[in-house]
PDB file of N, CA and C in Angstrom:
ATOM      1  N   MET A   1       5.377 -10.444  -4.673  1.00  0.00           N
ATOM      2  CA  MET A   1       5.559  -9.082  -4.213  1.00  0.00           C
ATOM      3  C   MET A   1       5.101  -9.035  -2.759  1.00  0.00           C
ATOM      4  N   SER A   2       5.906  -8.447  -1.928  1.00  0.00           N
ATOM      5  CA  SER A   2       5.496  -8.303  -0.535  1.00  0.00           C
ATOM      6  C   SER A   2       5.026  -6.871  -0.288  1.00  0.00           C
ATOM      7  N   TRP A   3       4.221  -6.724   0.752  1.00  0.00           N
ATOM      8  CA  TRP A   3       3.660  -5.414   1.084  1.00  0.00           C
ATOM      9  C   TRP A   3       3.461  -5.334   2.584  1.00  0.00           C
ATOM     10  N   PHE A   4       3.402  -4.112   3.076  1.00  0.00           N
ATOM     11  CA  PHE A   4       3.240  -3.857   4.502  1.00  0.00           C
ATOM     12  C   PHE A   4       2.226  -2.739   4.677  1.00  0.00           C
ATOM     13  N   LEU A   5       1.401  -2.861   5.688  1.00  0.00           N
ATOM     14  CA  LEU A   5       0.393  -1.862   5.989  1.00  0.00           C
ATOM     15  C   LEU A   5       0.688  -1.309   7.374  1.00  0.00           C
ATOM     16  N   ALA A   6       0.761   0.006   7.474  1.00  0.00           N
ATOM     17  CA  ALA A   6       1.048   0.645   8.761  1.00  0.00           C
ATOM     18  C   ALA A   6       0.092   1.802   8.977  1.00  0.00           C
ATOM     19  N   PRO A   7      -0.457   1.928  10.194  1.00  0.00           N
ATOM     20  CA  PRO A   7      -1.317   3.095  10.461  1.00  0.00           C
ATOM     21  C   PRO A   7      -0.492   4.366  10.398  1.00  0.00           C
ATOM     22  N   GLN A   8      -1.105   5.428   9.874  1.00  0.00           N
ATOM     23  CA  GLN A   8      -0.396   6.704   9.785  1.00  0.00           C
ATOM     24  C   GLN A   8      -0.235   7.287  11.182  1.00  0.00           C
ATOM     25  N   ILE A   9       0.943   7.782  11.448  1.00  0.00           N
ATOM     26  CA  ILE A   9       1.247   8.413  12.725  1.00  0.00           C
ATOM     27  C   ILE A   9       1.066   9.912  12.547  1.00  0.00           C
ATOM     28  N   PRO A  10       0.322  10.569  13.444  1.00  0.00           N
ATOM     29  CA  PRO A  10       0.147  12.019  13.311  1.00  0.00           C
ATOM     30  C   PRO A  10       1.497  12.739  13.313  1.00  0.00           C
ATOM     31  N   ASP A  11       1.643  13.675  12.398  1.00  0.00           N
ATOM     32  CA  ASP A  11       2.878  14.440  12.247  1.00  0.00           C
ATOM     33  C   ASP A  11       2.679  15.805  12.908  1.00  0.00           C
ATOM     34  N   VAL A  12       3.602  16.196  13.762  1.00  0.00           N
ATOM     35  CA  VAL A  12       3.471  17.483  14.448  1.00  0.00           C
ATOM     36  C   VAL A  12       3.620  18.655  13.491  1.00  0.00           C
ATOM     37  N   ALA A  13       4.241  18.439  12.338  1.00  0.00           N
ATOM     38  CA  ALA A  13       4.435  19.525  11.375  1.00  0.00           C
ATOM     39  C   ALA A  13       3.166  19.811  10.574  1.00  0.00           C
ATOM     40  N   VAL A  14       2.223  18.859  10.569  1.00  0.00           N
ATOM     41  CA  VAL A  14       0.984  19.023   9.813  1.00  0.00           C
ATOM     42  C   VAL A  14      -0.101  19.512  10.767  1.00  0.00           C
ATOM     43  N   PRO A  15      -0.816  20.577  10.398  1.00  0.00           N
ATOM     44  CA  PRO A  15      -1.894  21.057  11.276  1.00  0.00           C
ATOM     45  C   PRO A  15      -2.949  19.973  11.507  1.00  0.00           C
ATOM     46  N   PRO A  16      -3.554  19.938  12.700  1.00  0.00           N
ATOM     47  CA  PRO A  16      -4.507  18.877  13.015  1.00  0.00           C
ATOM     48  C   PRO A  16      -5.727  18.841  12.094  1.00  0.00           C
ATOM     49  N   HIS A  17      -6.124  19.981  11.543  1.00  0.00           N
ATOM     50  CA  HIS A  17      -7.304  20.008  10.677  1.00  0.00           C
ATOM     51  C   HIS A  17      -6.999  19.591   9.242  1.00  0.00           C
ATOM     52  N   ALA A  18      -5.722  19.484   8.887  1.00  0.00           N
ATOM     53  CA  ALA A  18      -5.343  19.097   7.525  1.00  0.00           C
ATOM     54  C   ALA A  18      -5.597  17.602   7.326  1.00  0.00           C
ATOM     55  N   HIS A  19      -6.163  17.261   6.181  1.00  0.00           N
ATOM     56  CA  HIS A  19      -6.459  15.863   5.875  1.00  0.00           C
ATOM     57  C   HIS A  19      -5.285  15.246   5.121  1.00  0.00           C
ATOM     58  N   ILE A  20      -4.763  14.164   5.651  1.00  0.00           N
ATOM     59  CA  ILE A  20      -3.702  13.424   4.961  1.00  0.00           C
ATOM     60  C   ILE A  20      -4.335  12.149   4.438  1.00  0.00           C
ATOM     61  N   GLY A  21      -4.338  11.999   3.142  1.00  0.00           N
ATOM     62  CA  GLY A  21      -4.936  10.820   2.534  1.00  0.00           C
ATOM     63  C   GLY A  21      -4.021   9.616   2.660  1.00  0.00           C
ATOM     64  N   PRO A  22      -4.441   8.517   2.097  1.00  0.00           N
ATOM     65  CA  PRO A  22      -3.603   7.324   2.140  1.00  0.00           C
ATOM     66  C   PRO A  22      -2.313   7.551   1.353  1.00  0.00           C
ATOM     67  N   ARG A  23      -1.252   6.927   1.822  1.00  0.00           N
ATOM     68  CA  ARG A  23       0.048   7.097   1.162  1.00  0.00           C
ATOM     69  C   ARG A  23       0.588   5.739   0.743  1.00  0.00           C
ATOM     70  N   VAL A  24       1.389   5.749  -0.320  1.00  0.00           N
ATOM     71  CA  VAL A  24       1.999   4.533  -0.852  1.00  0.00           C
ATOM     72  C   VAL A  24       3.494   4.752  -0.937  1.00  0.00           C
ATOM     73  N   GLY A  25       4.240   3.732  -0.565  1.00  0.00           N
ATOM     74  CA  GLY A  25       5.689   3.766  -0.694  1.00  0.00           C
ATOM     75  C   GLY A  25       6.156   2.598  -1.548  1.00  0.00           C
ATOM     76  N   LEU A  26       7.182   2.819  -2.333  1.00  0.00           N
ATOM     77  CA  LEU A  26       7.779   1.762  -3.148  1.00  0.00           C
ATOM     78  C   LEU A  26       9.237   1.619  -2.753  1.00  0.00           C
ATOM     79  N   THR A  27       9.655   0.413  -2.409  1.00  0.00           N
ATOM     80  CA  THR A  27      11.060   0.173  -2.113  1.00  0.00           C
ATOM     81  C   THR A  27      11.636  -0.661  -3.255  1.00  0.00           C
ATOM     82  N   VAL A  28      12.477  -0.041  -4.034  1.00  0.00           N
ATOM     83  CA  VAL A  28      13.080  -0.715  -5.177  1.00  0.00           C
ATOM     84  C   VAL A  28      14.586  -0.580  -5.019  1.00  0.00           C
ATOM     85  N   GLY A  29      15.190  -1.594  -4.418  1.00  0.00           N
ATOM     86  CA  GLY A  29      16.614  -1.555  -4.115  1.00  0.00           C
ATOM     87  C   GLY A  29      17.491  -1.912  -5.296  1.00  0.00           C
ATOM     88  N   LYS A  30      18.776  -1.681  -5.123  1.00  0.00           N
ATOM     89  CA  LYS A  30      19.745  -1.934  -6.194  1.00  0.00           C
ATOM     90  C   LYS A  30      19.838  -3.405  -6.564  1.00  0.00           C
ATOM     91  N   VAL A  31      19.393  -4.274  -5.677  1.00  0.00           N
ATOM     92  CA  VAL A  31      19.427  -5.700  -5.965  1.00  0.00           C
ATOM     93  C   VAL A  31      18.491  -6.057  -7.126  1.00  0.00           C
ATOM     94  N   LEU A  32      17.540  -5.188  -7.445  1.00  0.00           N
ATOM     95  CA  LEU A  32      16.596  -5.439  -8.524  1.00  0.00           C
ATOM     96  C   LEU A  32      17.128  -5.054  -9.899  1.00  0.00           C
ATOM     97  N   GLY A  33      18.298  -4.476  -9.966  1.00  0.00           N
ATOM     98  CA  GLY A  33      18.876  -4.153 -11.268  1.00  0.00           C
ATOM     99  C   GLY A  33      19.478  -2.764 -11.297  1.00  0.00           C
ATOM    100  N   LYS A  34      19.867  -2.380 -12.481  1.00  0.00           N
ATOM    101  CA  LYS A  34      20.438  -1.045 -12.668  1.00  0.00           C
ATOM    102  C   LYS A  34      19.338  -0.006 -12.610  1.00  0.00           C
ATOM    103  N   ALA A  35      19.720   1.258 -12.618  1.00  0.00           N
ATOM    104  CA  ALA A  35      18.765   2.356 -12.456  1.00  0.00           C
ATOM    105  C   ALA A  35      17.648   2.303 -13.494  1.00  0.00           C
ATOM    106  N   VAL A  36      17.974   1.932 -14.724  1.00  0.00           N
ATOM    107  CA  VAL A  36      16.968   1.860 -15.780  1.00  0.00           C
ATOM    108  C   VAL A  36      15.882   0.845 -15.406  1.00  0.00           C
ATOM    109  N   ASP A  37      16.304  -0.315 -14.913  1.00  0.00           N
ATOM    110  CA  ASP A  37      15.356  -1.363 -14.521  1.00  0.00           C
ATOM    111  C   ASP A  37      14.533  -0.939 -13.304  1.00  0.00           C
ATOM    112  N   ARG A  38      15.201  -0.365 -12.322  1.00  0.00           N
ATOM    113  CA  ARG A  38      14.500   0.075 -11.106  1.00  0.00           C
ATOM    114  C   ARG A  38      13.467   1.149 -11.431  1.00  0.00           C
ATOM    115  N   ASN A  39      13.824   2.093 -12.296  1.00  0.00           N
ATOM    116  CA  ASN A  39      12.887   3.143 -12.681  1.00  0.00           C
ATOM    117  C   ASN A  39      11.709   2.577 -13.463  1.00  0.00           C
ATOM    118  N   ARG A  40      11.958   1.577 -14.291  1.00  0.00           N
ATOM    119  CA  ARG A  40      10.863   0.960 -15.046  1.00  0.00           C
ATOM    120  C   ARG A  40       9.911   0.240 -14.098  1.00  0.00           C
ATOM    121  N   ILE A  41      10.451  -0.443 -13.110  1.00  0.00           N
ATOM    122  CA  ILE A  41       9.610  -1.102 -12.105  1.00  0.00           C
ATOM    123  C   ILE A  41       8.733  -0.064 -11.409  1.00  0.00           C
ATOM    124  N   LYS A  42       9.329   1.048 -11.015  1.00  0.00           N
ATOM    125  CA  LYS A  42       8.570   2.096 -10.318  1.00  0.00           C
ATOM    126  C   LYS A  42       7.490   2.696 -11.220  1.00  0.00           C
ATOM    127  N   ARG A  43       7.816   2.938 -12.483  1.00  0.00           N
ATOM    128  CA  ARG A  43       6.819   3.497 -13.413  1.00  0.00           C
ATOM    129  C   ARG A  43       5.640   2.560 -13.596  1.00  0.00           C
ATOM    130  N   ARG A  44       5.925   1.272 -13.764  1.00  0.00           N
ATOM    131  CA  ARG A  44       4.850   0.292 -13.948  1.00  0.00           C
ATOM    132  C   ARG A  44       3.975   0.193 -12.700  1.00  0.00           C
ATOM    133  N   MET A  45       4.610   0.176 -11.540  1.00  0.00           N
ATOM    134  CA  MET A  45       3.860   0.086 -10.282  1.00  0.00           C
ATOM    135  C   MET A  45       3.010   1.341 -10.080  1.00  0.00           C
ATOM    136  N   LYS A  46       3.590   2.508 -10.331  1.00  0.00           N
ATOM    137  CA  LYS A  46       2.847   3.759 -10.146  1.00  0.00           C
ATOM    138  C   LYS A  46       1.632   3.829 -11.061  1.00  0.00           C
ATOM    139  N   GLU A  47       1.772   3.370 -12.298  1.00  0.00           N
ATOM    140  CA  GLU A  47       0.644   3.408 -13.219  1.00  0.00           C
ATOM    141  C   GLU A  47      -0.467   2.462 -12.763  1.00  0.00           C
ATOM    142  N   ALA A  48      -0.103   1.272 -12.332  1.00  0.00           N
ATOM    143  CA  ALA A  48      -1.117   0.331 -11.843  1.00  0.00           C
ATOM    144  C   ALA A  48      -1.806   0.891 -10.596  1.00  0.00           C
ATOM    145  N   LEU A  49      -1.055   1.531  -9.717  1.00  0.00           N
ATOM    146  CA  LEU A  49      -1.636   2.130  -8.512  1.00  0.00           C
ATOM    147  C   LEU A  49      -2.506   3.332  -8.854  1.00  0.00           C
ATOM    148  N   ARG A  50      -2.084   4.130  -9.822  1.00  0.00           N
ATOM    149  CA  ARG A  50      -2.851   5.313 -10.212  1.00  0.00           C
ATOM    150  C   ARG A  50      -4.249   4.919 -10.687  1.00  0.00           C
ATOM    151  N   ARG A  51      -4.336   3.815 -11.395  1.00  0.00           N
ATOM    152  CA  ARG A  51      -5.619   3.358 -11.919  1.00  0.00           C
ATOM    153  C   ARG A  51      -6.582   2.899 -10.832  1.00  0.00           C
ATOM    154  N   HIS A  52      -6.048   2.553  -9.656  1.00  0.00           N
ATOM    155  CA  HIS A  52      -6.891   1.998  -8.595  1.00  0.00           C
ATOM    156  C   HIS A  52      -6.679   2.723  -7.271  1.00  0.00           C
ATOM    157  N   VAL A  53      -6.415   4.001  -7.334  1.00  0.00           N
ATOM    158  CA  VAL A  53      -6.132   4.785  -6.131  1.00  0.00           C
ATOM    159  C   VAL A  53      -7.319   4.803  -5.161  1.00  0.00           C
ATOM    160  N   GLY A  54      -8.521   4.627  -5.656  1.00  0.00           N
ATOM    161  CA  GLY A  54      -9.704   4.623  -4.805  1.00  0.00           C
ATOM    162  C   GLY A  54      -9.760   3.434  -3.853  1.00  0.00           C
ATOM    163  N   LEU A  55      -8.978   2.397  -4.112  1.00  0.00           N
ATOM    164  CA  LEU A  55      -8.975   1.220  -3.250  1.00  0.00           C
ATOM    165  C   LEU A  55      -8.018   1.340  -2.070  1.00  0.00           C
ATOM    166  N   LEU A  56      -7.238   2.422  -2.029  1.00  0.00           N
ATOM    167  CA  LEU A  56      -6.278   2.581  -0.929  1.00  0.00           C
ATOM    168  C   LEU A  56      -7.014   2.784   0.390  1.00  0.00           C
ATOM    169  N   PRO A  57      -6.577   2.101   1.451  1.00  0.00           N
ATOM    170  CA  PRO A  57      -7.237   2.262   2.753  1.00  0.00           C
ATOM    171  C   PRO A  57      -6.908   3.610   3.389  1.00  0.00           C
ATOM    172  N   GLU A  58      -7.932   4.310   3.856  1.00  0.00           N
ATOM    173  CA  GLU A  58      -7.758   5.621   4.497  1.00  0.00           C
ATOM    174  C   GLU A  58      -7.056   5.467   5.846  1.00  0.00           C
ATOM    175  N   GLY A  59      -6.167   6.415   6.138  1.00  0.00           N
ATOM    176  CA  GLY A  59      -5.506   6.438   7.438  1.00  0.00           C
ATOM    177  C   GLY A  59      -4.363   5.456   7.579  1.00  0.00           C
ATOM    178  N   PHE A  60      -3.926   4.884   6.471  1.00  0.00           N
ATOM    179  CA  PHE A  60      -2.843   3.904   6.511  1.00  0.00           C
ATOM    180  C   PHE A  60      -1.808   4.209   5.440  1.00  0.00           C
ATOM    181  N   ASP A  61      -0.601   3.756   5.683  1.00  0.00           N
ATOM    182  CA  ASP A  61       0.470   3.801   4.693  1.00  0.00           C
ATOM    183  C   ASP A  61       0.649   2.392   4.163  1.00  0.00           C
ATOM    184  N   LEU A  62       0.766   2.266   2.861  1.00  0.00           N
ATOM    185  CA  LEU A  62       0.948   0.971   2.225  1.00  0.00           C
ATOM    186  C   LEU A  62       2.306   0.977   1.536  1.00  0.00           C
ATOM    187  N   ILE A  63       3.152   0.034   1.906  1.00  0.00           N
ATOM    188  CA  ILE A  63       4.506  -0.021   1.358  1.00  0.00           C
ATOM    189  C   ILE A  63       4.636  -1.283   0.513  1.00  0.00           C
ATOM    190  N   PHE A  64       5.057  -1.117  -0.724  1.00  0.00           N
ATOM    191  CA  PHE A  64       5.259  -2.240  -1.641  1.00  0.00           C
ATOM    192  C   PHE A  64       6.745  -2.518  -1.776  1.00  0.00           C
ATOM    193  N   HIS A  65       7.070  -3.799  -1.806  1.00  0.00           N
ATOM    194  CA  HIS A  65       8.436  -4.241  -2.050  1.00  0.00           C
ATOM    195  C   HIS A  65       8.379  -5.227  -3.223  1.00  0.00           C
ATOM    196  N   PRO A  66       8.473  -4.696  -4.472  1.00  0.00           N
ATOM    197  CA  PRO A  66       8.315  -5.567  -5.647  1.00  0.00           C
ATOM    198  C   PRO A  66       9.518  -6.481  -5.865  1.00  0.00           C
ATOM    199  N   ARG A  67       9.291  -7.493  -6.657  1.00  0.00           N
ATOM    200  CA  ARG A  67      10.367  -8.390  -7.065  1.00  0.00           C
ATOM    201  C   ARG A  67      10.743  -8.061  -8.508  1.00  0.00           C
ATOM    202  N   ARG A  68      11.821  -8.653  -8.939  1.00  0.00           N
ATOM    203  CA  ARG A  68      12.336  -8.356 -10.279  1.00  0.00           C
ATOM    204  C   ARG A  68      11.370  -8.779 -11.387  1.00  0.00           C
ATOM    205  N   ASN A  69      10.521  -9.771 -11.134  1.00  0.00           N
ATOM    206  CA  ASN A  69       9.618 -10.238 -12.185  1.00  0.00           C
ATOM    207  C   ASN A  69       8.589  -9.181 -12.591  1.00  0.00           C
ATOM    208  N   VAL A  70       8.487  -8.077 -11.852  1.00  0.00           N
ATOM    209  CA  VAL A  70       7.590  -6.980 -12.240  1.00  0.00           C
ATOM    210  C   VAL A  70       8.028  -6.406 -13.592  1.00  0.00           C
ATOM    211  N   LEU A  71       9.318  -6.509 -13.902  1.00  0.00           N
ATOM    212  CA  LEU A  71       9.832  -6.014 -15.188  1.00  0.00           C
ATOM    213  C   LEU A  71       9.249  -6.773 -16.370  1.00  0.00           C
ATOM    214  N   THR A  72       9.121  -8.080 -16.241  1.00  0.00           N
ATOM    215  CA  THR A  72       8.719  -8.905 -17.377  1.00  0.00           C
ATOM    216  C   THR A  72       7.257  -9.339 -17.310  1.00  0.00           C
ATOM    217  N   MET A  73       6.610  -9.110 -16.201  1.00  0.00           N
ATOM    218  CA  MET A  73       5.218  -9.505 -16.009  1.00  0.00           C
ATOM    219  C   MET A  73       4.302  -8.719 -16.945  1.00  0.00           C
ATOM    220  N   ASP A  74       3.290  -9.389 -17.487  1.00  0.00           N
ATOM    221  CA  ASP A  74       2.281  -8.719 -18.295  1.00  0.00           C
ATOM    222  C   ASP A  74       1.620  -7.641 -17.433  1.00  0.00           C
ATOM    223  N   PHE A  75       1.345  -6.466 -18.022  1.00  0.00           N
ATOM    224  CA  PHE A  75       0.809  -5.358 -17.228  1.00  0.00           C
ATOM    225  C   PHE A  75      -0.543  -5.697 -16.618  1.00  0.00           C
ATOM    226  N   MET A  76      -1.381  -6.417 -17.342  1.00  0.00           N
ATOM    227  CA  MET A  76      -2.702  -6.799 -16.807  1.00  0.00           C
ATOM    228  C   MET A  76      -2.539  -7.703 -15.587  1.00  0.00           C
ATOM    229  N   GLN A  77      -1.546  -8.565 -15.619  1.00  0.00           N
ATOM    230  CA  GLN A  77      -1.270  -9.450 -14.486  1.00  0.00           C
ATOM    231  C   GLN A  77      -0.761  -8.634 -13.299  1.00  0.00           C
ATOM    232  N   LEU A  78       0.107  -7.652 -13.568  1.00  0.00           N
ATOM    233  CA  LEU A  78       0.605  -6.765 -12.511  1.00  0.00           C
ATOM    234  C   LEU A  78      -0.548  -5.977 -11.892  1.00  0.00           C
ATOM    235  N   GLU A  79      -1.416  -5.472 -12.737  1.00  0.00           N
ATOM    236  CA  GLU A  79      -2.555  -4.704 -12.262  1.00  0.00           C
ATOM    237  C   GLU A  79      -3.482  -5.568 -11.396  1.00  0.00           C
ATOM    238  N   ALA A  80      -3.699  -6.806 -11.807  1.00  0.00           N
ATOM    239  CA  ALA A  80      -4.538  -7.722 -11.025  1.00  0.00           C
ATOM    240  C   ALA A  80      -3.901  -8.004  -9.669  1.00  0.00           C
ATOM    241  N   GLU A  81      -2.591  -8.139  -9.636  1.00  0.00           N
ATOM    242  CA  GLU A  81      -1.872  -8.370  -8.371  1.00  0.00           C
ATOM    243  C   GLU A  81      -1.996  -7.154  -7.460  1.00  0.00           C
ATOM    244  N   ILE A  82      -1.876  -5.956  -8.021  1.00  0.00           N
ATOM    245  CA  ILE A  82      -2.012  -4.721  -7.248  1.00  0.00           C
ATOM    246  C   ILE A  82      -3.425  -4.618  -6.668  1.00  0.00           C
ATOM    247  N   VAL A  83      -4.441  -4.903  -7.472  1.00  0.00           N
ATOM    248  CA  VAL A  83      -5.833  -4.843  -6.999  1.00  0.00           C
ATOM    249  C   VAL A  83      -6.047  -5.851  -5.879  1.00  0.00           C
ATOM    250  N   ARG A  84      -5.510  -7.059  -6.033  1.00  0.00           N
ATOM    251  CA  ARG A  84      -5.647  -8.078  -4.996  1.00  0.00           C
ATOM    252  C   ARG A  84      -5.025  -7.600  -3.684  1.00  0.00           C
ATOM    253  N   ILE A  85      -3.848  -7.000  -3.769  1.00  0.00           N
ATOM    254  CA  ILE A  85      -3.165  -6.495  -2.573  1.00  0.00           C
ATOM    255  C   ILE A  85      -3.955  -5.347  -1.957  1.00  0.00           C
ATOM    256  N   LEU A  86      -4.458  -4.435  -2.787  1.00  0.00           N
ATOM    257  CA  LEU A  86      -5.225  -3.297  -2.267  1.00  0.00           C
ATOM    258  C   LEU A  86      -6.490  -3.763  -1.553  1.00  0.00           C
ATOM    259  N   GLU A  87      -7.170  -4.756  -2.113  1.00  0.00           N
ATOM    260  CA  GLU A  87      -8.376  -5.278  -1.464  1.00  0.00           C
ATOM    261  C   GLU A  87      -8.033  -5.965  -0.148  1.00  0.00           C
ATOM    262  N   GLN A  88      -6.947  -6.700  -0.137  1.00  0.00           N
ATOM    263  CA  GLN A  88      -6.501  -7.364   1.080  1.00  0.00           C
ATOM    264  C   GLN A  88      -6.098  -6.327   2.138  1.00  0.00           C
ATOM    265  N   ALA A  89      -5.440  -5.252   1.704  1.00  0.00           N
ATOM    266  CA  ALA A  89      -5.029  -4.191   2.627  1.00  0.00           C
ATOM    267  C   ALA A  89      -6.243  -3.473   3.208  1.00  0.00           C
ATOM    268  N   ARG A  90      -7.269  -3.237   2.384  1.00  0.00           N
ATOM    269  CA  ARG A  90      -8.507  -2.613   2.891  1.00  0.00           C
ATOM    270  C   ARG A  90      -9.161  -3.480   3.954  1.00  0.00           C
ATOM    271  N   LEU A  91      -9.176  -4.778   3.716  1.00  0.00           N
ATOM    272  CA  LEU A  91      -9.758  -5.698   4.685  1.00  0.00           C
ATOM    273  C   LEU A  91      -8.970  -5.668   5.991  1.00  0.00           C
ATOM    274  N   GLU A  92      -7.658  -5.705   5.873  1.00  0.00           N
ATOM    275  CA  GLU A  92      -6.805  -5.652   7.062  1.00  0.00           C
ATOM    276  C   GLU A  92      -6.957  -4.318   7.791  1.00  0.00           C
ATOM    277  N   ALA A  93      -7.072  -3.230   7.045  1.00  0.00           N
ATOM    278  CA  ALA A  93      -7.231  -1.903   7.647  1.00  0.00           C
ATOM    279  C   ALA A  93      -8.571  -1.804   8.372  1.00  0.00           C
ATOM    280  N   SER A  94      -9.631  -2.384   7.786  1.00  0.00           N
ATOM    281  CA  SER A  94     -10.938  -2.322   8.455  1.00  0.00           C
ATOM    282  C   SER A  94     -10.927  -3.142   9.736  1.00  0.00           C
ATOM    283  N   ARG A  95     -10.199  -4.248   9.744  1.00  0.00           N
ATOM    284  CA  ARG A  95     -10.065  -5.044  10.974  1.00  0.00           C
ATOM    285  C   ARG A  95      -9.300  -4.274  12.037  1.00  0.00           C
ATOM    286  N   ALA A  96      -8.260  -3.583  11.626  1.00  0.00           N
ATOM    287  CA  ALA A  96      -7.431  -2.830  12.574  1.00  0.00           C
ATOM    288  C   ALA A  96      -8.178  -1.619  13.122  1.00  0.00           C
ATOM    289  N   ALA A  97      -9.087  -1.060  12.341  1.00  0.00           N
ATOM    290  CA  ALA A  97      -9.809   0.148  12.754  1.00  0.00           C
ATOM    291  C   ALA A  97     -10.960  -0.163  13.719  1.00  0.00           C
ATOM    292  N   LYS A  98     -11.439  -1.397  13.704  1.00  0.00           N
ATOM    293  CA  LYS A  98     -12.548  -1.761  14.591  1.00  0.00           C
ATOM    294  C   LYS A  98     -12.055  -1.815  16.026  1.00  0.00           C
ATOM    295  N   PRO A  99     -12.833  -1.255  16.968  1.00  0.00           N
ATOM    296  CA  PRO A  99     -12.445  -1.364  18.371  1.00  0.00           C
ATOM    297  C   PRO A  99     -12.621  -2.797  18.833  1.00  0.00           C
ATOM    298  N   PRO A 100     -11.820  -3.242  19.774  1.00  0.00           N
ATOM    299  CA  PRO A 100     -11.947  -4.622  20.256  1.00  0.00           C
ATOM    300  C   PRO A 100     -13.311  -4.809  20.932  1.00  0.00           C
ATOM    301  N   ALA A 101     -13.844  -5.984  20.790  1.00  0.00           N
ATOM    302  CA  ALA A 101     -15.148  -6.271  21.401  1.00  0.00           C
ATOM    303  C   ALA A 101     -15.027  -6.222  22.924  1.00  0.00           C
ATOM    304  N   SER A 102     -15.972  -5.560  23.541  1.00  0.00           N
ATOM    305  CA  SER A 102     -15.927  -5.473  25.002  1.00  0.00           C
ATOM    306  C   SER A 102     -16.418  -6.789  25.606  1.00  0.00           C
ATOM    307  N   PRO A 103     -15.852  -7.167  26.733  1.00  0.00           N
ATOM    308  CA  PRO A 103     -16.259  -8.439  27.361  1.00  0.00           C
ATOM    309  C   PRO A 103     -17.690  -8.320  27.891  1.00  0.00           C
ATOM    310  N   PRO A 104     -18.398  -9.436  27.956  1.00  0.00           N
ATOM    311  CA  PRO A 104     -19.777  -9.385  28.453  1.00  0.00           C
ATOM    312  C   PRO A 104     -19.785  -8.982  29.915  1.00  0.00           C
ATOM    313  N   PRO A 105     -20.831  -8.248  30.349  1.00  0.00           N
ATOM    314  CA  PRO A 105     -20.882  -7.817  31.755  1.00  0.00           C
ATOM    315  C   PRO A 105     -20.994  -9.024  32.675  1.00  0.00           C
ATOM    316  N   SER A 106     -20.285  -8.921  33.768  1.00  0.00           N
ATOM    317  CA  SER A 106     -20.331 -10.026  34.745  1.00  0.00           C
ATOM    318  C   SER A 106     -21.495  -9.800  35.701  1.00  0.00           C
ATOM    319  N   SER A 107     -22.046 -10.901  36.172  1.00  0.00           N
ATOM    320  CA  SER A 107     -23.218 -10.805  37.074  1.00  0.00           C
ATOM    321  C   SER A 107     -22.829 -10.805  38.510  1.00  0.00           C
TER     322      SER A 107
END
């Protein structure tokens, strides 16, 4: 399963004081099967994400691009994969949020 992490871009339609939490996107294209299969993939992914929503990185959008094996994968295995990705995304988000180290002062 591939995934992408993107910083949230401020939306002019949303008031500046409004808090926008982390967001998740699922891309399940027709190449993954008929509508029944695609919907089942989305339901399984949403349930695994719902159980671990606290691991989502703040201020970022996380986009998942599942593969067809999500249909036949054991749910516990899918959940473990989702947790692994969420932890990796949090680590990447914390690296991106840190300001770059300033160079040492010259003498």
